[in-house]
N, C-alpha and C. Protein backbone atom coordinates (compact mmCIF):
# COMPACT_ATOMS: atom_id res chain seq x y z
N UNK A 1 4.40 -25.29 22.46
CA UNK A 1 4.93 -24.01 21.98
C UNK A 1 4.64 -22.92 23.01
N UNK A 2 5.65 -22.14 23.35
CA UNK A 2 5.49 -21.06 24.33
C UNK A 2 4.85 -19.86 23.66
N UNK A 3 3.76 -19.37 24.23
CA UNK A 3 3.05 -18.25 23.63
C UNK A 3 3.75 -16.93 23.94
N UNK A 4 3.37 -15.91 23.20
CA UNK A 4 3.93 -14.59 23.42
C UNK A 4 3.59 -14.08 24.82
N UNK A 5 2.40 -14.40 25.29
CA UNK A 5 1.99 -13.98 26.64
C UNK A 5 2.88 -14.61 27.70
N UNK A 6 3.16 -15.91 27.54
CA UNK A 6 4.02 -16.60 28.50
C UNK A 6 5.43 -16.02 28.46
N UNK A 7 5.95 -15.77 27.26
CA UNK A 7 7.29 -15.19 27.16
C UNK A 7 7.36 -13.81 27.80
N UNK A 8 6.27 -13.07 27.72
CA UNK A 8 6.23 -11.76 28.38
C UNK A 8 6.34 -11.93 29.89
N UNK A 9 5.67 -12.95 30.43
CA UNK A 9 5.74 -13.22 31.87
C UNK A 9 7.15 -13.68 32.27
N UNK A 10 7.78 -14.46 31.40
CA UNK A 10 9.16 -14.89 31.66
C UNK A 10 10.09 -13.68 31.67
N UNK A 11 9.92 -12.81 30.72
CA UNK A 11 10.78 -11.62 30.64
C UNK A 11 10.58 -10.69 31.84
N UNK A 12 9.40 -10.76 32.47
CA UNK A 12 9.14 -9.97 33.67
C UNK A 12 9.63 -10.67 34.94
N UNK A 13 10.04 -11.93 34.81
CA UNK A 13 10.46 -12.70 35.97
C UNK A 13 9.30 -13.31 36.74
N UNK A 14 8.11 -13.26 36.19
CA UNK A 14 6.93 -13.83 36.86
C UNK A 14 6.78 -15.32 36.58
N UNK A 15 7.42 -15.77 35.52
CA UNK A 15 7.60 -17.19 35.22
C UNK A 15 9.08 -17.38 34.91
N UNK A 16 9.59 -18.57 35.19
CA UNK A 16 11.01 -18.84 34.91
C UNK A 16 11.13 -20.21 34.26
N UNK A 17 12.11 -20.37 33.33
CA UNK A 17 12.35 -21.69 32.74
C UNK A 17 13.01 -22.61 33.76
N UNK A 18 12.20 -23.39 34.43
CA UNK A 18 12.67 -24.21 35.55
C UNK A 18 13.21 -25.54 35.04
N UNK A 19 14.49 -25.79 35.27
CA UNK A 19 15.08 -27.06 34.89
C UNK A 19 14.80 -28.14 35.93
N UNK A 20 15.06 -27.79 37.19
CA UNK A 20 14.80 -28.74 38.27
C UNK A 20 14.80 -28.01 39.60
N UNK A 21 14.21 -28.65 40.59
CA UNK A 21 14.22 -28.13 41.97
C UNK A 21 14.34 -29.34 42.87
N UNK A 22 15.18 -29.24 43.90
CA UNK A 22 15.41 -30.41 44.75
C UNK A 22 15.99 -29.98 46.09
N UNK A 23 15.76 -30.82 47.08
CA UNK A 23 16.24 -30.61 48.45
C UNK A 23 17.45 -31.50 48.67
N UNK A 24 18.56 -30.91 49.09
CA UNK A 24 19.78 -31.69 49.25
C UNK A 24 20.71 -30.98 50.23
N UNK A 25 21.98 -31.34 50.20
CA UNK A 25 23.01 -30.71 51.02
C UNK A 25 23.88 -29.84 50.11
N UNK A 26 24.07 -28.58 50.50
CA UNK A 26 24.98 -27.72 49.75
C UNK A 26 26.37 -28.33 49.79
N UNK A 27 26.95 -28.56 48.62
CA UNK A 27 28.22 -29.26 48.57
C UNK A 27 29.44 -28.39 48.44
N UNK A 28 29.26 -27.10 48.14
CA UNK A 28 30.39 -26.26 47.79
C UNK A 28 30.45 -24.99 48.62
N UNK A 29 31.66 -24.46 48.74
CA UNK A 29 31.85 -23.12 49.27
C UNK A 29 31.54 -22.94 50.75
N UNK A 30 31.16 -21.73 51.10
CA UNK A 30 31.03 -21.30 52.48
C UNK A 30 29.96 -22.09 53.24
N UNK A 31 28.86 -22.42 52.56
CA UNK A 31 27.73 -23.09 53.23
C UNK A 31 27.72 -24.60 53.02
N UNK A 32 28.85 -25.18 52.63
CA UNK A 32 28.88 -26.63 52.42
C UNK A 32 28.43 -27.36 53.68
N UNK A 33 27.68 -28.42 53.46
CA UNK A 33 27.17 -29.22 54.57
C UNK A 33 25.82 -28.77 55.08
N UNK A 34 25.31 -27.66 54.54
CA UNK A 34 24.02 -27.10 54.97
C UNK A 34 22.88 -27.67 54.12
N UNK A 35 21.80 -28.07 54.76
CA UNK A 35 20.62 -28.49 54.01
C UNK A 35 20.05 -27.28 53.26
N UNK A 36 19.73 -27.48 52.00
CA UNK A 36 19.25 -26.36 51.18
C UNK A 36 18.34 -26.87 50.07
N UNK A 37 17.44 -25.99 49.65
CA UNK A 37 16.55 -26.30 48.53
C UNK A 37 17.08 -25.56 47.31
N UNK A 38 17.37 -26.30 46.26
CA UNK A 38 17.96 -25.73 45.06
C UNK A 38 16.91 -25.50 43.98
N UNK A 39 16.96 -24.32 43.39
CA UNK A 39 16.12 -23.97 42.24
C UNK A 39 17.07 -23.75 41.07
N UNK A 40 17.05 -24.68 40.12
CA UNK A 40 17.95 -24.57 38.97
C UNK A 40 17.17 -24.00 37.78
N UNK A 41 17.58 -22.81 37.36
CA UNK A 41 16.90 -22.10 36.29
C UNK A 41 17.65 -22.33 34.97
N UNK A 42 16.90 -22.61 33.91
CA UNK A 42 17.50 -22.84 32.60
C UNK A 42 17.89 -21.55 31.92
N UNK A 43 18.84 -21.66 31.01
CA UNK A 43 19.30 -20.53 30.22
C UNK A 43 20.70 -20.10 30.62
N UNK A 44 21.66 -20.25 29.70
CA UNK A 44 23.03 -19.78 29.95
C UNK A 44 23.77 -19.70 28.63
N UNK A 45 24.44 -18.57 28.39
CA UNK A 45 25.25 -18.44 27.19
C UNK A 45 26.71 -18.16 27.53
N UNK A 46 27.10 -18.47 28.76
CA UNK A 46 28.50 -18.26 29.16
C UNK A 46 29.40 -19.31 28.50
N UNK A 47 28.92 -20.55 28.42
CA UNK A 47 29.56 -21.56 27.59
C UNK A 47 30.85 -22.17 28.11
N UNK A 48 30.92 -22.48 29.39
CA UNK A 48 32.11 -23.14 29.93
C UNK A 48 32.22 -24.55 29.36
N UNK A 49 33.36 -24.89 28.75
CA UNK A 49 33.49 -26.19 28.08
C UNK A 49 33.42 -27.35 29.07
N UNK A 50 33.74 -27.08 30.36
CA UNK A 50 33.74 -28.14 31.35
C UNK A 50 32.46 -28.17 32.19
N UNK A 51 31.47 -27.38 31.82
CA UNK A 51 30.22 -27.31 32.58
C UNK A 51 29.60 -28.70 32.73
N UNK A 52 29.16 -29.03 33.94
CA UNK A 52 28.57 -30.35 34.18
C UNK A 52 27.04 -30.34 34.13
N UNK A 53 26.46 -29.20 33.76
CA UNK A 53 25.00 -29.13 33.55
C UNK A 53 24.70 -28.41 32.23
N UNK A 54 25.33 -28.89 31.16
CA UNK A 54 25.13 -28.26 29.85
C UNK A 54 23.67 -28.34 29.39
N UNK A 55 22.94 -29.30 29.94
CA UNK A 55 21.53 -29.42 29.59
C UNK A 55 20.72 -28.22 30.08
N UNK A 56 21.32 -27.40 30.92
CA UNK A 56 20.63 -26.21 31.41
C UNK A 56 20.75 -25.04 30.44
N UNK A 57 21.65 -25.12 29.47
CA UNK A 57 21.97 -23.96 28.64
C UNK A 57 20.80 -23.44 27.84
N UNK A 58 20.05 -24.35 27.20
CA UNK A 58 18.95 -23.95 26.32
C UNK A 58 17.67 -23.77 27.12
N UNK A 59 17.30 -22.53 27.36
CA UNK A 59 16.12 -22.24 28.18
C UNK A 59 14.85 -22.79 27.56
N UNK A 60 14.84 -22.94 26.25
CA UNK A 60 13.63 -23.37 25.56
C UNK A 60 13.26 -24.81 25.87
N UNK A 61 14.21 -25.58 26.40
CA UNK A 61 13.92 -26.97 26.73
C UNK A 61 13.37 -27.14 28.14
N UNK A 62 13.21 -26.04 28.86
CA UNK A 62 12.72 -26.10 30.23
C UNK A 62 11.43 -25.31 30.35
N UNK A 63 10.41 -25.89 30.96
CA UNK A 63 9.08 -25.28 30.95
C UNK A 63 8.99 -24.00 31.77
N UNK A 64 8.44 -22.94 31.19
CA UNK A 64 8.17 -21.73 31.98
C UNK A 64 7.23 -22.07 33.13
N UNK A 65 7.67 -21.76 34.33
CA UNK A 65 6.95 -22.15 35.54
C UNK A 65 6.64 -20.92 36.37
N UNK A 66 5.41 -20.85 36.86
CA UNK A 66 4.96 -19.71 37.66
C UNK A 66 5.78 -19.63 38.95
N UNK A 67 6.29 -18.45 39.28
CA UNK A 67 7.14 -18.32 40.46
C UNK A 67 6.39 -18.60 41.75
N UNK A 68 5.07 -18.39 41.77
CA UNK A 68 4.30 -18.70 42.99
C UNK A 68 4.40 -20.18 43.32
N UNK A 69 4.38 -21.01 42.29
CA UNK A 69 4.49 -22.45 42.53
C UNK A 69 5.89 -22.83 42.95
N UNK A 70 6.92 -22.16 42.39
CA UNK A 70 8.30 -22.41 42.79
C UNK A 70 8.51 -22.04 44.25
N UNK A 71 7.99 -20.88 44.66
CA UNK A 71 8.12 -20.43 46.04
C UNK A 71 7.40 -21.38 46.99
N UNK A 72 6.20 -21.81 46.61
CA UNK A 72 5.42 -22.72 47.46
C UNK A 72 6.16 -24.03 47.67
N UNK A 73 6.75 -24.56 46.63
CA UNK A 73 7.52 -25.80 46.75
C UNK A 73 8.72 -25.61 47.66
N UNK A 74 9.44 -24.52 47.46
CA UNK A 74 10.65 -24.26 48.24
C UNK A 74 10.34 -24.14 49.73
N UNK A 75 9.24 -23.48 50.05
CA UNK A 75 8.89 -23.21 51.45
C UNK A 75 8.57 -24.49 52.23
N UNK A 76 8.30 -25.57 51.53
CA UNK A 76 7.98 -26.83 52.20
C UNK A 76 9.21 -27.54 52.76
N UNK A 77 10.40 -27.18 52.27
CA UNK A 77 11.56 -28.01 52.53
C UNK A 77 12.64 -27.39 53.40
N UNK A 78 12.96 -26.13 53.17
CA UNK A 78 14.14 -25.58 53.83
C UNK A 78 14.03 -24.08 54.02
N UNK A 79 14.80 -23.58 54.99
CA UNK A 79 14.88 -22.14 55.19
C UNK A 79 15.92 -21.51 54.26
N UNK A 80 16.81 -22.35 53.71
CA UNK A 80 17.87 -21.85 52.83
C UNK A 80 17.56 -22.25 51.40
N UNK A 81 17.42 -21.26 50.54
CA UNK A 81 17.09 -21.50 49.14
C UNK A 81 18.25 -21.04 48.28
N UNK A 82 18.74 -21.93 47.42
CA UNK A 82 19.85 -21.61 46.53
C UNK A 82 19.33 -21.55 45.09
N UNK A 83 19.46 -20.40 44.47
CA UNK A 83 19.06 -20.24 43.07
C UNK A 83 20.32 -20.35 42.22
N UNK A 84 20.28 -21.29 41.27
CA UNK A 84 21.45 -21.57 40.46
C UNK A 84 21.01 -21.81 39.02
N UNK A 85 21.91 -22.28 38.19
CA UNK A 85 21.55 -22.47 36.80
C UNK A 85 22.42 -23.52 36.14
N UNK A 86 22.58 -23.36 34.81
CA UNK A 86 22.34 -22.16 34.03
C UNK A 86 22.96 -20.92 34.65
N UNK A 87 22.51 -19.83 34.11
CA UNK A 87 22.87 -18.52 34.67
C UNK A 87 21.57 -17.82 35.07
N UNK A 88 21.25 -17.84 36.38
CA UNK A 88 19.97 -17.30 36.83
C UNK A 88 19.77 -15.83 36.51
N UNK A 89 20.87 -15.05 36.43
CA UNK A 89 20.71 -13.62 36.19
C UNK A 89 20.40 -13.31 34.72
N UNK A 90 20.27 -14.35 33.91
CA UNK A 90 19.72 -14.17 32.57
C UNK A 90 18.32 -13.56 32.68
N UNK A 91 17.66 -13.86 33.80
CA UNK A 91 16.27 -13.45 34.03
C UNK A 91 16.20 -12.49 35.21
N UNK A 92 15.09 -11.78 35.31
CA UNK A 92 14.86 -10.86 36.43
C UNK A 92 14.54 -11.68 37.68
N UNK A 93 15.42 -11.65 38.64
CA UNK A 93 15.25 -12.43 39.87
C UNK A 93 14.45 -11.70 40.94
N UNK A 94 14.05 -10.45 40.64
CA UNK A 94 13.30 -9.67 41.63
C UNK A 94 12.03 -10.33 42.12
N UNK A 95 11.11 -10.71 41.23
CA UNK A 95 9.85 -11.31 41.68
C UNK A 95 10.04 -12.61 42.46
N UNK A 96 10.96 -13.46 42.01
CA UNK A 96 11.18 -14.73 42.72
C UNK A 96 11.69 -14.47 44.13
N UNK A 97 12.69 -13.61 44.27
CA UNK A 97 13.26 -13.39 45.60
C UNK A 97 12.29 -12.63 46.51
N UNK A 98 11.46 -11.77 45.94
CA UNK A 98 10.43 -11.11 46.75
C UNK A 98 9.47 -12.15 47.32
N UNK A 99 9.11 -13.13 46.51
CA UNK A 99 8.23 -14.20 46.98
C UNK A 99 8.88 -15.05 48.06
N UNK A 100 10.15 -15.36 47.88
CA UNK A 100 10.88 -16.17 48.87
C UNK A 100 11.04 -15.40 50.18
N UNK A 101 11.37 -14.11 50.08
CA UNK A 101 11.54 -13.31 51.30
C UNK A 101 10.21 -13.13 52.03
N UNK A 102 9.10 -13.10 51.29
CA UNK A 102 7.78 -13.00 51.93
C UNK A 102 7.50 -14.22 52.80
N UNK A 103 8.19 -15.33 52.51
CA UNK A 103 8.06 -16.55 53.32
C UNK A 103 9.16 -16.64 54.37
N UNK A 104 9.93 -15.54 54.53
CA UNK A 104 11.02 -15.48 55.50
C UNK A 104 12.12 -16.51 55.22
N UNK A 105 12.39 -16.73 53.94
CA UNK A 105 13.41 -17.69 53.54
C UNK A 105 14.72 -16.97 53.23
N UNK A 106 15.83 -17.67 53.46
CA UNK A 106 17.15 -17.14 53.14
C UNK A 106 17.44 -17.38 51.67
N UNK A 107 17.80 -16.33 50.96
CA UNK A 107 18.01 -16.43 49.52
C UNK A 107 19.50 -16.38 49.18
N UNK A 108 19.96 -17.42 48.52
CA UNK A 108 21.34 -17.51 48.06
C UNK A 108 21.34 -17.62 46.54
N UNK A 109 22.34 -17.07 45.89
CA UNK A 109 22.47 -17.21 44.44
C UNK A 109 23.88 -17.65 44.10
N UNK A 110 23.97 -18.52 43.09
CA UNK A 110 25.24 -18.90 42.49
C UNK A 110 25.23 -18.38 41.07
N UNK A 111 26.15 -17.46 40.76
CA UNK A 111 26.11 -16.77 39.48
C UNK A 111 27.51 -16.49 38.94
N UNK A 112 27.59 -16.40 37.62
CA UNK A 112 28.83 -15.95 36.99
C UNK A 112 28.91 -14.43 36.97
N UNK A 113 27.78 -13.77 37.24
CA UNK A 113 27.75 -12.31 37.20
C UNK A 113 27.74 -11.74 35.80
N UNK A 114 27.50 -12.59 34.79
CA UNK A 114 27.59 -12.15 33.40
C UNK A 114 26.46 -11.20 33.01
N UNK A 115 25.42 -11.15 33.81
CA UNK A 115 24.30 -10.23 33.58
C UNK A 115 24.08 -9.39 34.83
N UNK A 116 23.43 -8.24 34.70
CA UNK A 116 23.24 -7.36 35.87
C UNK A 116 22.55 -8.07 37.02
N UNK A 117 22.98 -7.72 38.22
CA UNK A 117 22.44 -8.32 39.43
C UNK A 117 21.02 -7.82 39.69
N UNK A 118 20.09 -8.76 39.83
CA UNK A 118 18.72 -8.46 40.23
C UNK A 118 18.34 -9.37 41.38
N UNK A 119 17.35 -8.96 42.16
CA UNK A 119 16.89 -9.79 43.27
C UNK A 119 17.38 -9.32 44.62
N UNK A 120 16.81 -9.92 45.65
CA UNK A 120 17.15 -9.62 47.05
C UNK A 120 17.88 -10.85 47.60
N UNK A 121 19.16 -10.68 47.94
CA UNK A 121 19.98 -11.84 48.29
C UNK A 121 20.60 -11.71 49.67
N UNK A 122 20.54 -12.81 50.41
CA UNK A 122 21.24 -12.89 51.69
C UNK A 122 22.69 -13.35 51.49
N UNK A 123 22.93 -14.06 50.38
CA UNK A 123 24.29 -14.54 50.12
C UNK A 123 24.49 -14.62 48.61
N UNK A 124 25.56 -13.99 48.14
CA UNK A 124 25.88 -14.01 46.72
C UNK A 124 27.21 -14.73 46.53
N UNK A 125 27.16 -15.85 45.82
CA UNK A 125 28.37 -16.58 45.45
C UNK A 125 28.66 -16.24 43.99
N UNK A 126 29.75 -15.55 43.75
CA UNK A 126 30.16 -15.17 42.41
C UNK A 126 31.23 -16.13 41.91
N UNK A 127 30.95 -16.78 40.78
CA UNK A 127 31.93 -17.67 40.17
C UNK A 127 32.20 -17.16 38.75
N UNK A 128 33.12 -16.21 38.62
CA UNK A 128 33.35 -15.53 37.33
C UNK A 128 33.99 -16.46 36.31
N UNK A 129 33.68 -16.19 35.04
CA UNK A 129 34.24 -16.98 33.95
C UNK A 129 34.98 -16.06 32.97
N UNK A 130 36.10 -16.53 32.44
CA UNK A 130 36.97 -15.71 31.60
C UNK A 130 36.27 -15.24 30.33
N UNK A 131 35.42 -16.10 29.75
CA UNK A 131 34.84 -15.78 28.45
C UNK A 131 33.64 -14.86 28.51
N UNK A 132 33.13 -14.56 29.74
CA UNK A 132 32.04 -13.59 29.88
C UNK A 132 32.12 -13.05 31.31
N UNK A 133 32.86 -12.00 31.48
CA UNK A 133 33.19 -11.48 32.81
C UNK A 133 31.99 -10.83 33.49
N UNK A 134 32.02 -10.75 34.82
CA UNK A 134 30.93 -10.09 35.56
C UNK A 134 30.73 -8.64 35.14
N UNK A 135 29.49 -8.19 35.27
CA UNK A 135 29.15 -6.81 34.92
C UNK A 135 28.48 -6.13 36.12
N UNK A 136 28.44 -4.81 36.07
CA UNK A 136 27.71 -4.05 37.08
C UNK A 136 28.37 -4.07 38.45
N UNK A 137 27.53 -4.00 39.49
CA UNK A 137 28.03 -3.84 40.86
C UNK A 137 28.12 -5.15 41.64
N UNK A 138 28.09 -6.29 40.93
CA UNK A 138 28.08 -7.57 41.64
C UNK A 138 29.35 -7.77 42.47
N UNK A 139 30.51 -7.27 42.00
CA UNK A 139 31.74 -7.42 42.78
C UNK A 139 31.60 -6.78 44.16
N UNK A 140 30.97 -5.62 44.22
CA UNK A 140 30.83 -4.91 45.49
C UNK A 140 29.93 -5.65 46.47
N UNK A 141 28.99 -6.42 45.94
CA UNK A 141 27.98 -7.07 46.79
C UNK A 141 28.25 -8.55 47.04
N UNK A 142 29.31 -9.07 46.44
CA UNK A 142 29.60 -10.50 46.54
C UNK A 142 30.06 -10.89 47.95
N UNK A 143 29.48 -11.98 48.45
CA UNK A 143 29.89 -12.52 49.76
C UNK A 143 30.97 -13.58 49.62
N UNK A 144 30.95 -14.27 48.48
CA UNK A 144 31.84 -15.42 48.27
C UNK A 144 32.30 -15.43 46.83
N UNK A 145 33.60 -15.39 46.62
CA UNK A 145 34.18 -15.52 45.29
C UNK A 145 34.69 -16.94 45.14
N UNK A 146 34.17 -17.64 44.15
CA UNK A 146 34.57 -19.04 43.93
C UNK A 146 35.10 -19.18 42.51
N UNK A 147 36.42 -19.36 42.40
CA UNK A 147 37.05 -19.48 41.10
C UNK A 147 37.34 -20.96 40.82
N UNK A 148 36.85 -21.44 39.69
CA UNK A 148 37.08 -22.82 39.29
C UNK A 148 38.47 -22.92 38.65
N UNK A 149 39.25 -23.87 39.13
CA UNK A 149 40.63 -24.03 38.66
C UNK A 149 40.71 -25.25 37.74
N UNK A 150 40.89 -24.97 36.45
CA UNK A 150 41.01 -26.01 35.44
C UNK A 150 42.46 -26.16 34.98
N UNK A 151 43.19 -25.04 35.01
CA UNK A 151 44.60 -25.08 34.62
C UNK A 151 45.38 -24.03 35.42
N UNK A 152 46.68 -23.97 35.23
CA UNK A 152 47.53 -23.08 36.03
C UNK A 152 47.19 -21.61 35.84
N UNK A 153 46.75 -21.24 34.65
CA UNK A 153 46.43 -19.83 34.41
C UNK A 153 45.28 -19.35 35.28
N UNK A 154 44.46 -20.28 35.74
CA UNK A 154 43.31 -19.89 36.56
C UNK A 154 43.72 -19.28 37.90
N UNK A 155 44.93 -19.55 38.36
CA UNK A 155 45.41 -18.89 39.57
C UNK A 155 45.62 -17.39 39.30
N UNK A 156 46.11 -17.06 38.12
CA UNK A 156 46.29 -15.65 37.74
C UNK A 156 44.92 -14.98 37.64
N UNK A 157 44.00 -15.66 36.96
CA UNK A 157 42.64 -15.13 36.83
C UNK A 157 42.00 -14.92 38.20
N UNK A 158 42.22 -15.87 39.12
CA UNK A 158 41.65 -15.77 40.47
C UNK A 158 42.15 -14.51 41.18
N UNK A 159 43.43 -14.23 41.07
CA UNK A 159 43.98 -13.05 41.72
C UNK A 159 43.42 -11.76 41.10
N UNK A 160 43.25 -11.76 39.79
CA UNK A 160 42.66 -10.60 39.11
C UNK A 160 41.24 -10.35 39.61
N UNK A 161 40.48 -11.42 39.80
CA UNK A 161 39.10 -11.29 40.27
C UNK A 161 39.05 -10.90 41.75
N UNK A 162 39.99 -11.40 42.54
CA UNK A 162 40.02 -11.10 43.97
C UNK A 162 40.27 -9.61 44.22
N UNK A 163 40.98 -8.97 43.30
CA UNK A 163 41.25 -7.54 43.45
C UNK A 163 39.98 -6.69 43.28
N UNK A 164 38.94 -7.26 42.70
CA UNK A 164 37.74 -6.50 42.37
C UNK A 164 36.63 -6.63 43.40
N UNK A 165 36.69 -7.65 44.25
CA UNK A 165 35.61 -7.85 45.22
C UNK A 165 35.85 -7.01 46.47
N UNK A 166 34.82 -6.92 47.32
CA UNK A 166 34.93 -6.14 48.55
C UNK A 166 35.80 -6.85 49.58
N UNK A 167 36.21 -6.14 50.59
CA UNK A 167 37.18 -6.67 51.56
C UNK A 167 36.62 -7.78 52.44
N UNK A 168 35.29 -7.88 52.54
CA UNK A 168 34.68 -8.92 53.38
C UNK A 168 34.39 -10.21 52.63
N UNK A 169 34.66 -10.23 51.36
CA UNK A 169 34.35 -11.40 50.54
C UNK A 169 35.28 -12.57 50.89
N UNK A 170 34.70 -13.76 51.02
CA UNK A 170 35.48 -14.97 51.28
C UNK A 170 35.95 -15.53 49.94
N UNK A 171 37.24 -15.89 49.86
CA UNK A 171 37.85 -16.30 48.60
C UNK A 171 38.05 -17.82 48.55
N UNK A 172 37.56 -18.44 47.48
CA UNK A 172 37.68 -19.89 47.32
C UNK A 172 38.28 -20.25 45.97
N UNK A 173 39.11 -21.28 45.99
CA UNK A 173 39.58 -21.94 44.79
C UNK A 173 38.98 -23.34 44.77
N UNK A 174 38.38 -23.72 43.65
CA UNK A 174 37.73 -25.03 43.56
C UNK A 174 38.22 -25.77 42.31
N UNK A 175 38.76 -26.97 42.48
CA UNK A 175 39.22 -27.72 41.30
C UNK A 175 38.05 -28.14 40.43
N UNK A 176 38.22 -28.00 39.12
CA UNK A 176 37.22 -28.53 38.20
C UNK A 176 37.24 -30.05 38.33
N UNK A 177 36.07 -30.66 38.39
CA UNK A 177 35.94 -32.05 38.80
C UNK A 177 36.77 -33.00 37.93
N UNK A 178 36.77 -32.79 36.63
CA UNK A 178 37.43 -33.75 35.74
C UNK A 178 38.95 -33.75 35.86
N UNK A 179 39.51 -32.67 36.41
CA UNK A 179 40.97 -32.59 36.55
C UNK A 179 41.37 -32.46 38.02
N UNK A 180 40.49 -32.85 38.91
CA UNK A 180 40.72 -32.62 40.35
C UNK A 180 41.99 -33.31 40.85
N UNK A 181 42.29 -34.52 40.38
CA UNK A 181 43.46 -35.23 40.89
C UNK A 181 44.75 -34.49 40.54
N UNK A 182 44.75 -33.84 39.38
CA UNK A 182 45.94 -33.08 38.96
C UNK A 182 46.00 -31.72 39.63
N UNK A 183 44.84 -31.09 39.82
CA UNK A 183 44.84 -29.70 40.29
C UNK A 183 44.82 -29.57 41.81
N UNK A 184 44.29 -30.54 42.52
CA UNK A 184 44.20 -30.41 43.98
C UNK A 184 45.57 -30.18 44.62
N UNK A 185 46.62 -30.95 44.27
CA UNK A 185 47.93 -30.66 44.88
C UNK A 185 48.42 -29.24 44.60
N UNK A 186 48.15 -28.73 43.40
CA UNK A 186 48.55 -27.37 43.06
C UNK A 186 47.77 -26.35 43.88
N UNK A 187 46.48 -26.61 44.07
CA UNK A 187 45.65 -25.70 44.85
C UNK A 187 46.07 -25.71 46.32
N UNK A 188 46.33 -26.88 46.85
CA UNK A 188 46.79 -26.99 48.24
C UNK A 188 48.07 -26.17 48.44
N UNK A 189 49.01 -26.34 47.54
CA UNK A 189 50.27 -25.60 47.63
C UNK A 189 50.03 -24.10 47.51
N UNK A 190 49.14 -23.71 46.62
CA UNK A 190 48.86 -22.29 46.40
C UNK A 190 48.23 -21.66 47.63
N UNK A 191 47.26 -22.35 48.23
CA UNK A 191 46.57 -21.81 49.40
C UNK A 191 47.51 -21.72 50.59
N UNK A 192 48.40 -22.68 50.73
CA UNK A 192 49.37 -22.61 51.82
C UNK A 192 50.31 -21.42 51.67
N UNK A 193 50.60 -21.05 50.43
CA UNK A 193 51.46 -19.89 50.18
C UNK A 193 50.66 -18.58 50.17
N UNK A 194 49.35 -18.70 49.94
CA UNK A 194 48.48 -17.51 49.85
C UNK A 194 47.23 -17.75 50.70
N UNK A 195 47.37 -17.68 52.02
CA UNK A 195 46.30 -18.12 52.93
C UNK A 195 45.05 -17.24 52.95
N UNK A 196 45.04 -16.18 52.15
CA UNK A 196 43.77 -15.44 52.04
C UNK A 196 42.73 -16.30 51.30
N UNK A 197 43.19 -17.31 50.57
CA UNK A 197 42.31 -18.22 49.85
C UNK A 197 41.96 -19.43 50.70
N UNK A 198 40.80 -20.01 50.43
CA UNK A 198 40.38 -21.28 51.01
C UNK A 198 40.10 -22.25 49.87
N UNK A 199 40.03 -23.53 50.19
CA UNK A 199 39.73 -24.55 49.19
C UNK A 199 38.27 -24.95 49.29
N UNK A 200 37.62 -24.98 48.16
CA UNK A 200 36.26 -25.51 48.05
C UNK A 200 36.32 -26.79 47.22
N UNK A 201 35.63 -27.82 47.69
CA UNK A 201 35.52 -29.08 46.94
C UNK A 201 34.05 -29.37 46.68
N UNK A 202 33.77 -30.09 45.63
CA UNK A 202 32.38 -30.49 45.34
C UNK A 202 32.05 -31.72 46.20
N UNK A 203 31.84 -31.45 47.49
CA UNK A 203 31.66 -32.56 48.44
C UNK A 203 30.41 -33.38 48.15
N UNK A 204 29.41 -32.79 47.49
CA UNK A 204 28.21 -33.56 47.18
C UNK A 204 28.52 -34.71 46.22
N UNK A 205 29.54 -34.52 45.38
CA UNK A 205 29.92 -35.59 44.47
C UNK A 205 30.63 -36.72 45.23
N UNK A 206 31.42 -36.36 46.23
CA UNK A 206 32.04 -37.39 47.06
C UNK A 206 30.99 -38.12 47.89
N UNK A 207 29.92 -37.40 48.27
CA UNK A 207 28.84 -38.01 49.05
C UNK A 207 27.84 -38.75 48.18
N UNK A 208 27.99 -38.59 46.86
CA UNK A 208 27.08 -39.23 45.89
C UNK A 208 25.64 -38.81 46.09
N UNK A 209 25.47 -37.47 46.21
CA UNK A 209 24.13 -36.90 46.31
C UNK A 209 24.01 -35.82 45.24
N UNK A 210 22.78 -35.39 44.91
CA UNK A 210 22.61 -34.35 43.87
C UNK A 210 23.32 -33.06 44.22
């Protein structure tokens, strides 16, 4: 049972519900192919029906972990640290990223933007979802917009989101894995007609790595 004291530390961002942490190759987006250490934080209420890590949704099933230990583990493996979830911005990312930056590590986040942006980030990958849209100033600070394409309407949603990000943001369309065979030809055609977009694939799944 999590005590009130522990929950207070979680709410301050000094402990986080850690689902898993692992060293692998970034499989998606701008930094695909790069060795990176992933910190997957539990807790998400965005509720994408096609989410492939639904076990991350309930934060209560993941142990509150001291951020000093998370930082120490990360520093052993890679200069590039990717914080993902779940939805990491459910929690205050300030203390974690301050610890990572103190070790001179590059901090990346993968977020839906559904909660206010906290933390110090070298790279922000925004993957907005229709059922809980981004809030605050995350659009202005986003380096990479990654829209998951599950059906044809997602192209319309992608364009709506692209209008909100800054001019330097890199734009990606990524097929949802379960419908990739159907959607990839549509995405290829769309990008060829709209070359401001690039294609992102979940290459780690093709490589059979985490």
